[in-house]
Amino acid sequence: MVKQSYNHLINLKNTLKYQCQLHYNHMSIIKVARIDAPIHRTGAAYVAHILNNYKYEVEIKTSSKEEAFRSLVENESDLLVSSWIPGFHLHNMTTALPYHDNVLALGTLFHPYFSWFVPGYVAEGLATSVEDLTDPDTAALFFREIYVINCDDYSALFFQDTIAKHRLDDAGFKFKHVSEDVFTEALAGHTKEARPCLVAFWSPCSLKFKYNLRELEGITHPAVPSGKAVLLMHKNAITKLNISARNALQHVYLSNDKASMLEQLVFEEHYHIEIALKIIEQDTP
């Protein structure tokens, strides 16, 4: 009888342990909404790496800005990478569920800004800043369609504002939304003829490394007044994370340079993210 009772207790203990393990495994899956743009891809990979180190399984779902915000505020996702709030992404938040009532702002991943570049073969003496482009003789040497890569229509407000602010429209410059593939083909033609051209995109981004681009001075345009790309978490997801993991996300920071280098190493050169981070650590003063 005592032996049967003992066995019963052991079986009950094992059953409870199994059920707790199932619960733990279920709760440790963190669902991340990632906005469909290269600038957010690296941030999501970095956040997933942090959570993996704390033994959490991560599911990343890529979608439009509107869908990513909807899934977060409706608690279909636990985290969103990343939000430029207040400002650029505020129009994507649903008025029925204000983000400050349902969502917590955690750490800052990087500081996004809009910038323009010229190919490396363009001499610095010809153009080092946007002001150089206002000179008629300099402008005449350039292909005056500015390639804007992987940006949506909403971003055009920033681009048009920058062109007008520096009066580049008077010099005949205008922007053209293109995919990276279209830009690659166009750049090959410009390079062959050594013809100066301009390209614009949101930074940080690995494109400047990939295509040997040089950033122009005086043209940066912050994405938001605060200039921060913030990691957001739904309040209901707090209980999924232990204190250490929450603190890590609260203090997460990936500088612009590191974000660009990480994107290049992981998504262009296909390094494992842990190895890529070690390479960056060694190369960063």
Foldseek 3Di string as FASTA:
>chain_A
DVVVVVVVVVVVVVVVVVVVVVVLLVLLEAEEEFEPDLLQVLVVLVLCVLSVVVVGHYHYDYDHLLVRQVCFLVVVGFKYRWDPPPPQSCVSHDPVRRCVNWKDWAAFAEQKKKFKWKFPLDDVVLAQAPLSCVPLVSVVQAPQAEEEEDDDPSCVVVVVVLCVVSVVVVSVHDYDYDYVVVVVVVVVVCVVVVGIYMYMYMAPAQVCVVRVIDTHPPRIGGSHPVRTITMMGTPVSPVSDDPVSRNCRRHHYQYRVNSNQLCCCCVVVNDDSVVSVVVVVVVPD
